PDB file of all heavy atoms in Angstrom:
ATOM      1  N   LYS A   1       0.986  18.889   3.069  1.00  0.00           N
ATOM      2  CA  LYS A   1       0.432  19.792   2.055  1.00  0.00           C
ATOM      3  C   LYS A   1       1.103  21.148   2.253  1.00  0.00           C
ATOM      4  O   LYS A   1       1.023  21.712   3.359  1.00  0.00           O
ATOM      5  CB  LYS A   1      -1.084  19.925   2.196  1.00  0.00           C
ATOM      6  CG  LYS A   1      -1.678  20.833   1.125  1.00  0.00           C
ATOM      7  CD  LYS A   1      -3.180  21.022   1.315  1.00  0.00           C
ATOM      8  CE  LYS A   1      -3.715  21.943   0.228  1.00  0.00           C
ATOM      9  NZ  LYS A   1      -5.123  22.293   0.448  1.00  0.00           N
ATOM     10  N   ASP A   2       1.780  21.607   1.212  1.00  0.00           N
ATOM     11  CA  ASP A   2       2.515  22.871   1.291  1.00  0.00           C
ATOM     12  C   ASP A   2       3.449  22.888   2.504  1.00  0.00           C
ATOM     13  O   ASP A   2       3.568  23.905   3.208  1.00  0.00           O
ATOM     14  CB  ASP A   2       1.541  24.059   1.330  1.00  0.00           C
ATOM     15  CG  ASP A   2       0.619  24.077   0.119  1.00  0.00           C
ATOM     16  OD1 ASP A   2       1.081  23.693  -0.976  1.00  0.00           O
ATOM     17  OD2 ASP A   2      -0.561  24.449   0.270  1.00  0.00           O
ATOM     18  N   GLY A   3       4.076  21.731   2.780  1.00  0.00           N
ATOM     19  CA  GLY A   3       5.075  21.645   3.845  1.00  0.00           C
ATOM     20  C   GLY A   3       4.547  21.375   5.229  1.00  0.00           C
ATOM     21  O   GLY A   3       5.320  21.228   6.181  1.00  0.00           O
ATOM     22  N   ASN A   4       3.205  21.309   5.397  1.00  0.00           N
ATOM     23  CA  ASN A   4       2.600  21.054   6.713  1.00  0.00           C
ATOM     24  C   ASN A   4       1.923  19.681   6.725  1.00  0.00           C
ATOM     25  O   ASN A   4       1.217  19.327   5.775  1.00  0.00           O
ATOM     26  CB  ASN A   4       1.558  22.135   7.035  1.00  0.00           C
ATOM     27  CG  ASN A   4       2.183  23.515   7.130  1.00  0.00           C
ATOM     28  OD1 ASN A   4       3.122  23.725   7.885  1.00  0.00           O
ATOM     29  ND2 ASN A   4       1.659  24.452   6.346  1.00  0.00           N
ATOM     30  N   VAL A   5       2.124  18.940   7.812  1.00  0.00           N
ATOM     31  CA  VAL A   5       1.537  17.602   7.913  1.00  0.00           C
ATOM     32  C   VAL A   5       0.009  17.687   7.891  1.00  0.00           C
ATOM     33  O   VAL A   5      -0.601  18.539   8.556  1.00  0.00           O
ATOM     34  CB  VAL A   5       2.015  16.891   9.198  1.00  0.00           C
ATOM     35  CG1 VAL A   5       1.181  15.634   9.485  1.00  0.00           C
ATOM     36  CG2 VAL A   5       3.490  16.506   9.078  1.00  0.00           C
ATOM     37  N   VAL A   6      -0.592  16.808   7.103  1.00  0.00           N
ATOM     38  CA  VAL A   6      -2.050  16.639   7.079  1.00  0.00           C
ATOM     39  C   VAL A   6      -2.362  15.151   7.231  1.00  0.00           C
ATOM     40  O   VAL A   6      -1.499  14.303   6.994  1.00  0.00           O
ATOM     41  CB  VAL A   6      -2.686  17.175   5.767  1.00  0.00           C
ATOM     42  CG1 VAL A   6      -2.512  18.676   5.657  1.00  0.00           C
ATOM     43  CG2 VAL A   6      -2.110  16.462   4.550  1.00  0.00           C
ATOM     44  N   SER A   7      -3.576  14.848   7.625  1.00  0.00           N
ATOM     45  CA  SER A   7      -3.981  13.453   7.751  1.00  0.00           C
ATOM     46  C   SER A   7      -4.487  12.929   6.407  1.00  0.00           C
ATOM     47  O   SER A   7      -5.413  13.512   5.826  1.00  0.00           O
ATOM     48  CB  SER A   7      -5.109  13.317   8.783  1.00  0.00           C
ATOM     49  OG  SER A   7      -5.774  12.065   8.621  1.00  0.00           O
ATOM     50  N   PRO A   8      -3.916  11.810   5.911  1.00  0.00           N
ATOM     51  CA  PRO A   8      -4.437  11.237   4.667  1.00  0.00           C
ATOM     52  C   PRO A   8      -5.804  10.588   4.853  1.00  0.00           C
ATOM     53  O   PRO A   8      -6.487  10.301   3.874  1.00  0.00           O
ATOM     54  CB  PRO A   8      -3.381  10.192   4.293  1.00  0.00           C
ATOM     55  CG  PRO A   8      -2.745   9.810   5.588  1.00  0.00           C
ATOM     56  CD  PRO A   8      -2.761  11.054   6.435  1.00  0.00           C
ATOM     57  N   PHE A   9      -6.203  10.369   6.092  1.00  0.00           N
ATOM     58  CA  PHE A   9      -7.522   9.807   6.413  1.00  0.00           C
ATOM     59  C   PHE A   9      -8.569  10.930   6.417  1.00  0.00           C
ATOM     60  O   PHE A   9      -9.661  10.767   5.856  1.00  0.00           O
ATOM     61  CB  PHE A   9      -7.424   9.133   7.779  1.00  0.00           C
ATOM     62  CG  PHE A   9      -8.567   8.234   8.177  1.00  0.00           C
ATOM     63  CD1 PHE A   9      -8.477   7.511   9.364  1.00  0.00           C
ATOM     64  CD2 PHE A   9      -9.713   8.077   7.414  1.00  0.00           C
ATOM     65  CE1 PHE A   9      -9.501   6.669   9.771  1.00  0.00           C
ATOM     66  CE2 PHE A   9     -10.752   7.234   7.811  1.00  0.00           C
ATOM     67  CZ  PHE A   9     -10.640   6.538   9.002  1.00  0.00           C
ATOM     68  N   HIS A  10      -8.229  12.086   7.017  1.00  0.00           N
ATOM     69  CA  HIS A  10      -9.247  13.101   7.303  1.00  0.00           C
ATOM     70  C   HIS A  10      -9.095  14.430   6.561  1.00  0.00           C
ATOM     71  O   HIS A  10     -10.086  15.129   6.359  1.00  0.00           O
ATOM     72  CB  HIS A  10      -9.248  13.399   8.813  1.00  0.00           C
ATOM     73  CG  HIS A  10      -9.374  12.181   9.672  1.00  0.00           C
ATOM     74  ND1 HIS A  10     -10.404  11.273   9.517  1.00  0.00           N
ATOM     75  CD2 HIS A  10      -8.578  11.718  10.680  1.00  0.00           C
ATOM     76  CE1 HIS A  10     -10.250  10.302  10.421  1.00  0.00           C
ATOM     77  NE2 HIS A  10      -9.158  10.538  11.114  1.00  0.00           N
ATOM     78  N   ASP A  11      -7.880  14.809   6.169  1.00  0.00           N
ATOM     79  CA  ASP A  11      -7.658  16.160   5.641  1.00  0.00           C
ATOM     80  C   ASP A  11      -7.614  16.248   4.120  1.00  0.00           C
ATOM     81  O   ASP A  11      -7.907  17.306   3.565  1.00  0.00           O
ATOM     82  CB  ASP A  11      -6.355  16.737   6.202  1.00  0.00           C
ATOM     83  CG  ASP A  11      -6.472  17.089   7.684  1.00  0.00           C
ATOM     84  OD1 ASP A  11      -7.510  17.627   8.082  1.00  0.00           O
ATOM     85  OD2 ASP A  11      -5.511  16.806   8.430  1.00  0.00           O
ATOM     86  N   ILE A  12      -7.185  15.199   3.451  1.00  0.00           N
ATOM     87  CA  ILE A  12      -7.146  15.233   1.982  1.00  0.00           C
ATOM     88  C   ILE A  12      -8.577  15.061   1.482  1.00  0.00           C
ATOM     89  O   ILE A  12      -9.276  14.125   1.906  1.00  0.00           O
ATOM     90  CB  ILE A  12      -6.216  14.134   1.432  1.00  0.00           C
ATOM     91  CG1 ILE A  12      -4.781  14.402   1.886  1.00  0.00           C
ATOM     92  CG2 ILE A  12      -6.289  14.067  -0.095  1.00  0.00           C
ATOM     93  CD1 ILE A  12      -3.806  13.293   1.555  1.00  0.00           C
ATOM     94  N   PRO A  13      -9.061  15.917   0.613  1.00  0.00           N
ATOM     95  CA  PRO A  13     -10.445  15.780   0.144  1.00  0.00           C
ATOM     96  C   PRO A  13     -10.643  14.487  -0.648  1.00  0.00           C
ATOM     97  O   PRO A  13      -9.747  14.067  -1.392  1.00  0.00           O
ATOM     98  CB  PRO A  13     -10.655  16.998  -0.763  1.00  0.00           C
ATOM     99  CG  PRO A  13      -9.496  17.903  -0.516  1.00  0.00           C
ATOM    100  CD  PRO A  13      -8.374  17.068  -0.001  1.00  0.00           C
ATOM    101  N   LEU A  14     -11.802  13.869  -0.492  1.00  0.00           N
ATOM    102  CA  LEU A  14     -12.135  12.699  -1.309  1.00  0.00           C
ATOM    103  C   LEU A  14     -12.183  13.089  -2.779  1.00  0.00           C
ATOM    104  O   LEU A  14     -11.658  12.383  -3.643  1.00  0.00           O
ATOM    105  CB  LEU A  14     -13.472  12.112  -0.861  1.00  0.00           C
ATOM    106  CG  LEU A  14     -14.073  11.012  -1.758  1.00  0.00           C
ATOM    107  CD1 LEU A  14     -13.139   9.809  -1.872  1.00  0.00           C
ATOM    108  CD2 LEU A  14     -15.442  10.579  -1.222  1.00  0.00           C
ATOM    109  N   PHE A  15     -12.810  14.233  -3.056  1.00  0.00           N
ATOM    110  CA  PHE A  15     -12.988  14.651  -4.450  1.00  0.00           C
ATOM    111  C   PHE A  15     -11.938  15.686  -4.844  1.00  0.00           C
ATOM    112  O   PHE A  15     -11.800  16.720  -4.202  1.00  0.00           O
ATOM    113  CB  PHE A  15     -14.384  15.245  -4.653  1.00  0.00           C
ATOM    114  CG  PHE A  15     -15.485  14.247  -4.457  1.00  0.00           C
ATOM    115  CD1 PHE A  15     -16.210  14.209  -3.267  1.00  0.00           C
ATOM    116  CD2 PHE A  15     -15.780  13.310  -5.435  1.00  0.00           C
ATOM    117  CE1 PHE A  15     -17.213  13.274  -3.072  1.00  0.00           C
ATOM    118  CE2 PHE A  15     -16.780  12.366  -5.254  1.00  0.00           C
ATOM    119  CZ  PHE A  15     -17.494  12.346  -4.069  1.00  0.00           C
ATOM    120  N   ALA A  16     -11.199  15.363  -5.917  1.00  0.00           N
ATOM    121  CA  ALA A  16     -10.273  16.342  -6.501  1.00  0.00           C
ATOM    122  C   ALA A  16     -11.024  17.278  -7.432  1.00  0.00           C
ATOM    123  O   ALA A  16     -10.706  18.458  -7.531  1.00  0.00           O
ATOM    124  CB  ALA A  16      -9.161  15.618  -7.258  1.00  0.00           C
ATOM    125  N   ASP A  17     -12.029  16.731  -8.124  1.00  0.00           N
ATOM    126  CA  ASP A  17     -12.843  17.501  -9.071  1.00  0.00           C
ATOM    127  C   ASP A  17     -14.167  16.741  -9.211  1.00  0.00           C
ATOM    128  O   ASP A  17     -14.321  15.892 -10.070  1.00  0.00           O
ATOM    129  CB  ASP A  17     -12.120  17.613 -10.416  1.00  0.00           C
ATOM    130  CG  ASP A  17     -12.890  18.427 -11.446  1.00  0.00           C
ATOM    131  OD1 ASP A  17     -14.071  18.752 -11.202  1.00  0.00           O
ATOM    132  OD2 ASP A  17     -12.325  18.722 -12.517  1.00  0.00           O
ATOM    133  N   GLN A  18     -15.103  17.063  -8.328  1.00  0.00           N
ATOM    134  CA  GLN A  18     -16.346  16.276  -8.254  1.00  0.00           C
ATOM    135  C   GLN A  18     -17.153  16.377  -9.546  1.00  0.00           C
ATOM    136  O   GLN A  18     -17.758  15.393  -9.980  1.00  0.00           O
ATOM    137  CB  GLN A  18     -17.182  16.731  -7.062  1.00  0.00           C
ATOM    138  CG  GLN A  18     -18.365  15.798  -6.771  1.00  0.00           C
ATOM    139  CD  GLN A  18     -18.926  15.987  -5.371  1.00  0.00           C
ATOM    140  OE1 GLN A  18     -18.509  16.878  -4.637  1.00  0.00           O
ATOM    141  NE2 GLN A  18     -19.872  15.141  -4.988  1.00  0.00           N
ATOM    142  N   ASN A  19     -17.141  17.550 -10.187  1.00  0.00           N
ATOM    143  CA  ASN A  19     -17.919  17.715 -11.419  1.00  0.00           C
ATOM    144  C   ASN A  19     -17.460  16.769 -12.522  1.00  0.00           C
ATOM    145  O   ASN A  19     -18.261  16.318 -13.339  1.00  0.00           O
ATOM    146  CB  ASN A  19     -17.834  19.165 -11.918  1.00  0.00           C
ATOM    147  CG  ASN A  19     -18.588  20.126 -11.015  1.00  0.00           C
ATOM    148  OD1 ASN A  19     -19.496  19.698 -10.287  1.00  0.00           O
ATOM    149  ND2 ASN A  19     -18.208  21.385 -11.025  1.00  0.00           N
ATOM    150  N   ASN A  20     -16.147  16.489 -12.554  1.00  0.00           N
ATOM    151  CA  ASN A  20     -15.613  15.588 -13.580  1.00  0.00           C
ATOM    152  C   ASN A  20     -15.384  14.168 -13.065  1.00  0.00           C
ATOM    153  O   ASN A  20     -14.775  13.348 -13.761  1.00  0.00           O
ATOM    154  CB  ASN A  20     -14.297  16.156 -14.136  1.00  0.00           C
ATOM    155  CG  ASN A  20     -14.549  17.312 -15.097  1.00  0.00           C
ATOM    156  OD1 ASN A  20     -15.302  17.181 -16.058  1.00  0.00           O
ATOM    157  ND2 ASN A  20     -13.934  18.457 -14.826  1.00  0.00           N
ATOM    158  N   GLY A  21     -15.865  13.895 -11.849  1.00  0.00           N
ATOM    159  CA  GLY A  21     -15.757  12.535 -11.316  1.00  0.00           C
ATOM    160  C   GLY A  21     -14.327  12.114 -11.014  1.00  0.00           C
ATOM    161  O   GLY A  21     -13.977  10.936 -11.136  1.00  0.00           O
ATOM    162  N   ILE A  22     -13.476  13.072 -10.597  1.00  0.00           N
ATOM    163  CA  ILE A  22     -12.085  12.758 -10.264  1.00  0.00           C
ATOM    164  C   ILE A  22     -11.924  12.744  -8.748  1.00  0.00           C
ATOM    165  O   ILE A  22     -12.293  13.697  -8.062  1.00  0.00           O
ATOM    166  CB  ILE A  22     -11.109  13.786 -10.878  1.00  0.00           C
ATOM    167  CG1 ILE A  22     -11.286  13.842 -12.398  1.00  0.00           C
ATOM    168  CG2 ILE A  22      -9.673  13.440 -10.528  1.00  0.00           C
ATOM    169  CD1 ILE A  22     -10.467  14.922 -13.068  1.00  0.00           C
ATOM    170  N   LEU A  23     -11.366  11.644  -8.237  1.00  0.00           N
ATOM    171  CA  LEU A  23     -11.179  11.468  -6.809  1.00  0.00           C
ATOM    172  C   LEU A  23      -9.693  11.418  -6.479  1.00  0.00           C
ATOM    173  O   LEU A  23      -8.867  11.082  -7.327  1.00  0.00           O
ATOM    174  CB  LEU A  23     -11.846  10.162  -6.331  1.00  0.00           C
ATOM    175  CG  LEU A  23     -13.369  10.191  -6.163  1.00  0.00           C
ATOM    176  CD1 LEU A  23     -14.094  10.345  -7.487  1.00  0.00           C
ATOM    177  CD2 LEU A  23     -13.850   8.925  -5.462  1.00  0.00           C
ATOM    178  N   ASN A  24      -9.374  11.760  -5.235  1.00  0.00           N
ATOM    179  CA  ASN A  24      -8.014  11.594  -4.738  1.00  0.00           C
ATOM    180  C   ASN A  24      -7.853  10.187  -4.161  1.00  0.00           C
ATOM    181  O   ASN A  24      -8.754   9.680  -3.489  1.00  0.00           O
ATOM    182  CB  ASN A  24      -7.701  12.616  -3.639  1.00  0.00           C
ATOM    183  CG  ASN A  24      -7.463  13.997  -4.179  1.00  0.00           C
ATOM    184  OD1 ASN A  24      -6.728  14.185  -5.149  1.00  0.00           O
ATOM    185  ND2 ASN A  24      -8.078  15.000  -3.559  1.00  0.00           N
ATOM    186  N   MET A  25      -6.705   9.587  -4.405  1.00  0.00           N
ATOM    187  CA  MET A  25      -6.365   8.279  -3.853  1.00  0.00           C
ATOM    188  C   MET A  25      -5.004   8.386  -3.165  1.00  0.00           C
ATOM    189  O   MET A  25      -4.095   9.028  -3.687  1.00  0.00           O
ATOM    190  CB  MET A  25      -6.283   7.253  -4.978  1.00  0.00           C
ATOM    191  CG  MET A  25      -5.678   5.928  -4.572  1.00  0.00           C
ATOM    192  SD  MET A  25      -4.973   5.053  -5.995  1.00  0.00           S
ATOM    193  CE  MET A  25      -4.280   3.617  -5.145  1.00  0.00           C
ATOM    194  N   VAL A  26      -4.881   7.761  -2.008  1.00  0.00           N
ATOM    195  CA  VAL A  26      -3.604   7.694  -1.296  1.00  0.00           C
ATOM    196  C   VAL A  26      -2.960   6.346  -1.621  1.00  0.00           C
ATOM    197  O   VAL A  26      -3.534   5.290  -1.344  1.00  0.00           O
ATOM    198  CB  VAL A  26      -3.813   7.806   0.229  1.00  0.00           C
ATOM    199  CG1 VAL A  26      -2.464   7.790   0.955  1.00  0.00           C
ATOM    200  CG2 VAL A  26      -4.612   9.043   0.585  1.00  0.00           C
ATOM    201  N   VAL A  27      -1.770   6.368  -2.232  1.00  0.00           N
ATOM    202  CA  VAL A  27      -1.060   5.115  -2.520  1.00  0.00           C
ATOM    203  C   VAL A  27      -0.368   4.648  -1.235  1.00  0.00           C
ATOM    204  O   VAL A  27       0.435   5.375  -0.646  1.00  0.00           O
ATOM    205  CB  VAL A  27      -0.018   5.288  -3.645  1.00  0.00           C
ATOM    206  CG1 VAL A  27       0.768   3.994  -3.858  1.00  0.00           C
ATOM    207  CG2 VAL A  27      -0.687   5.733  -4.936  1.00  0.00           C
ATOM    208  N   GLU A  28      -0.720   3.438  -0.803  1.00  0.00           N
ATOM    209  CA  GLU A  28      -0.068   2.830   0.359  1.00  0.00           C
ATOM    210  C   GLU A  28       0.984   1.810  -0.076  1.00  0.00           C
ATOM    211  O   GLU A  28       2.072   1.734   0.505  1.00  0.00           O
ATOM    212  CB  GLU A  28      -1.111   2.140   1.246  1.00  0.00           C
ATOM    213  CG  GLU A  28      -2.136   3.097   1.836  1.00  0.00           C
ATOM    214  CD  GLU A  28      -3.333   2.381   2.441  1.00  0.00           C
ATOM    215  OE1 GLU A  28      -3.943   1.522   1.739  1.00  0.00           O
ATOM    216  OE2 GLU A  28      -3.665   2.645   3.597  1.00  0.00           O
ATOM    217  N   VAL A  29       0.650   1.008  -1.098  1.00  0.00           N
ATOM    218  CA  VAL A  29       1.548  -0.059  -1.554  1.00  0.00           C
ATOM    219  C   VAL A  29       1.769   0.084  -3.063  1.00  0.00           C
ATOM    220  O   VAL A  29       0.840  -0.140  -3.850  1.00  0.00           O
ATOM    221  CB  VAL A  29       0.958  -1.457  -1.262  1.00  0.00           C
ATOM    222  CG1 VAL A  29       1.992  -2.538  -1.598  1.00  0.00           C
ATOM    223  CG2 VAL A  29       0.501  -1.575   0.184  1.00  0.00           C
ATOM    224  N   PRO A  30       2.966   0.453  -3.497  1.00  0.00           N
ATOM    225  CA  PRO A  30       3.238   0.523  -4.940  1.00  0.00           C
ATOM    226  C   PRO A  30       3.192  -0.877  -5.574  1.00  0.00           C
ATOM    227  O   PRO A  30       3.503  -1.880  -4.913  1.00  0.00           O
ATOM    228  CB  PRO A  30       4.663   1.094  -5.012  1.00  0.00           C
ATOM    229  CG  PRO A  30       4.886   1.749  -3.681  1.00  0.00           C
ATOM    230  CD  PRO A  30       4.098   0.939  -2.691  1.00  0.00           C
ATOM    231  N   ARG A  31       2.794  -0.910  -6.836  1.00  0.00           N
ATOM    232  CA  ARG A  31       2.757  -2.193  -7.558  1.00  0.00           C
ATOM    233  C   ARG A  31       4.109  -2.895  -7.483  1.00  0.00           C
ATOM    234  O   ARG A  31       5.156  -2.261  -7.473  1.00  0.00           O
ATOM    235  CB  ARG A  31       2.370  -1.943  -9.010  1.00  0.00           C
ATOM    236  CG  ARG A  31       2.048  -3.227  -9.770  1.00  0.00           C
ATOM    237  CD  ARG A  31       1.445  -2.948 -11.133  1.00  0.00           C
ATOM    238  NE  ARG A  31       2.421  -2.458 -12.081  1.00  0.00           N
ATOM    239  CZ  ARG A  31       2.300  -1.354 -12.798  1.00  0.00           C
ATOM    240  NH1 ARG A  31       1.255  -0.581 -12.662  1.00  0.00           N
ATOM    241  NH2 ARG A  31       3.230  -1.003 -13.653  1.00  0.00           N
ATOM    242  N   TRP A  32       4.059  -4.227  -7.444  1.00  0.00           N
ATOM    243  CA  TRP A  32       5.227  -5.143  -7.420  1.00  0.00           C
ATOM    244  C   TRP A  32       5.895  -5.227  -6.047  1.00  0.00           C
ATOM    245  O   TRP A  32       6.820  -6.002  -5.874  1.00  0.00           O
ATOM    246  CB  TRP A  32       6.307  -4.791  -8.451  1.00  0.00           C
ATOM    247  CG  TRP A  32       5.889  -4.599  -9.869  1.00  0.00           C
ATOM    248  CD1 TRP A  32       6.393  -3.681 -10.731  1.00  0.00           C
ATOM    249  CD2 TRP A  32       4.921  -5.336 -10.627  1.00  0.00           C
ATOM    250  NE1 TRP A  32       5.795  -3.786 -11.965  1.00  0.00           N
ATOM    251  CE2 TRP A  32       4.884  -4.786 -11.916  1.00  0.00           C
ATOM    252  CE3 TRP A  32       4.059  -6.399 -10.327  1.00  0.00           C
ATOM    253  CZ2 TRP A  32       4.041  -5.248 -12.926  1.00  0.00           C
ATOM    254  CZ3 TRP A  32       3.206  -6.869 -11.314  1.00  0.00           C
ATOM    255  CH2 TRP A  32       3.202  -6.301 -12.598  1.00  0.00           C
ATOM    256  N   THR A  33       5.478  -4.432  -5.072  1.00  0.00           N
ATOM    257  CA  THR A  33       6.120  -4.514  -3.759  1.00  0.00           C
ATOM    258  C   THR A  33       5.311  -5.405  -2.823  1.00  0.00           C
ATOM    259  O   THR A  33       4.141  -5.707  -3.082  1.00  0.00           O
ATOM    260  CB  THR A  33       6.314  -3.118  -3.134  1.00  0.00           C
ATOM    261  OG1 THR A  33       5.038  -2.512  -2.919  1.00  0.00           O
ATOM    262  CG2 THR A  33       7.152  -2.234  -4.056  1.00  0.00           C
ATOM    263  N   ASN A  34       5.923  -5.821  -1.715  1.00  0.00           N
ATOM    264  CA  ASN A  34       5.319  -6.797  -0.814  1.00  0.00           C
ATOM    265  C   ASN A  34       4.995  -6.257   0.580  1.00  0.00           C
ATOM    266  O   ASN A  34       4.189  -6.849   1.293  1.00  0.00           O
ATOM    267  CB  ASN A  34       6.259  -8.007  -0.634  1.00  0.00           C
ATOM    268  CG  ASN A  34       6.514  -8.752  -1.918  1.00  0.00           C
ATOM    269  OD1 ASN A  34       7.247  -8.284  -2.790  1.00  0.00           O
ATOM    270  ND2 ASN A  34       5.918  -9.918  -2.073  1.00  0.00           N
ATOM    271  N   ALA A  35       5.660  -5.168   0.983  1.00  0.00           N
ATOM    272  CA  ALA A  35       5.439  -4.644   2.335  1.00  0.00           C
ATOM    273  C   ALA A  35       4.004  -4.154   2.476  1.00  0.00           C
ATOM    274  O   ALA A  35       3.543  -3.336   1.684  1.00  0.00           O
ATOM    275  CB  ALA A  35       6.422  -3.512   2.627  1.00  0.00           C
ATOM    276  N   LYS A  36       3.306  -4.654   3.505  1.00  0.00           N
ATOM    277  CA  LYS A  36       1.895  -4.294   3.688  1.00  0.00           C
ATOM    278  C   LYS A  36       1.817  -2.951   4.426  1.00  0.00           C
ATOM    279  O   LYS A  36       1.694  -2.897   5.640  1.00  0.00           O
ATOM    280  CB  LYS A  36       1.147  -5.387   4.440  1.00  0.00           C
ATOM    281  CG  LYS A  36      -0.367  -5.189   4.344  1.00  0.00           C
ATOM    282  CD  LYS A  36      -1.139  -6.352   4.872  1.00  0.00           C
ATOM    283  CE  LYS A  36      -2.621  -6.244   4.505  1.00  0.00           C
ATOM    284  NZ  LYS A  36      -3.214  -4.915   4.648  1.00  0.00           N
ATOM    285  N   MET A  37       1.957  -1.891   3.645  1.00  0.00           N
ATOM    286  CA  MET A  37       1.887  -0.530   4.179  1.00  0.00           C
ATOM    287  C   MET A  37       0.423  -0.089   4.239  1.00  0.00           C
ATOM    288  O   MET A  37      -0.363  -0.402   3.340  1.00  0.00           O
ATOM    289  CB  MET A  37       2.671   0.430   3.288  1.00  0.00           C
ATOM    290  CG  MET A  37       4.122   0.045   3.044  1.00  0.00           C
ATOM    291  SD  MET A  37       5.133   0.107   4.526  1.00  0.00           S
ATOM    292  CE  MET A  37       5.170   1.869   4.863  1.00  0.00           C
ATOM    293  N   GLU A  38       0.075   0.642   5.315  1.00  0.00           N
ATOM    294  CA  GLU A  38      -1.311   1.112   5.422  1.00  0.00           C
ATOM    295  C   GLU A  38      -1.395   2.350   6.293  1.00  0.00           C
ATOM    296  O   GLU A  38      -0.535   2.570   7.164  1.00  0.00           O
ATOM    297  CB  GLU A  38      -2.217   0.002   5.955  1.00  0.00           C
ATOM    298  CG  GLU A  38      -1.809  -0.571   7.289  1.00  0.00           C
ATOM    299  CD  GLU A  38      -2.671  -1.760   7.701  1.00  0.00           C
ATOM    300  OE1 GLU A  38      -3.226  -2.438   6.830  1.00  0.00           O
ATOM    301  OE2 GLU A  38      -2.769  -2.000   8.910  1.00  0.00           O
TER     302      GLU A  38
END
């Protein structure tokens, strides 16, 4: 975030905009790919 490492488990907020029901999601595996990234 802004060039500094953050934890996608602990530092990225769950809610991007709680009032509008928008959440943040971390993409681990792009569609059509097979590598089990996590």
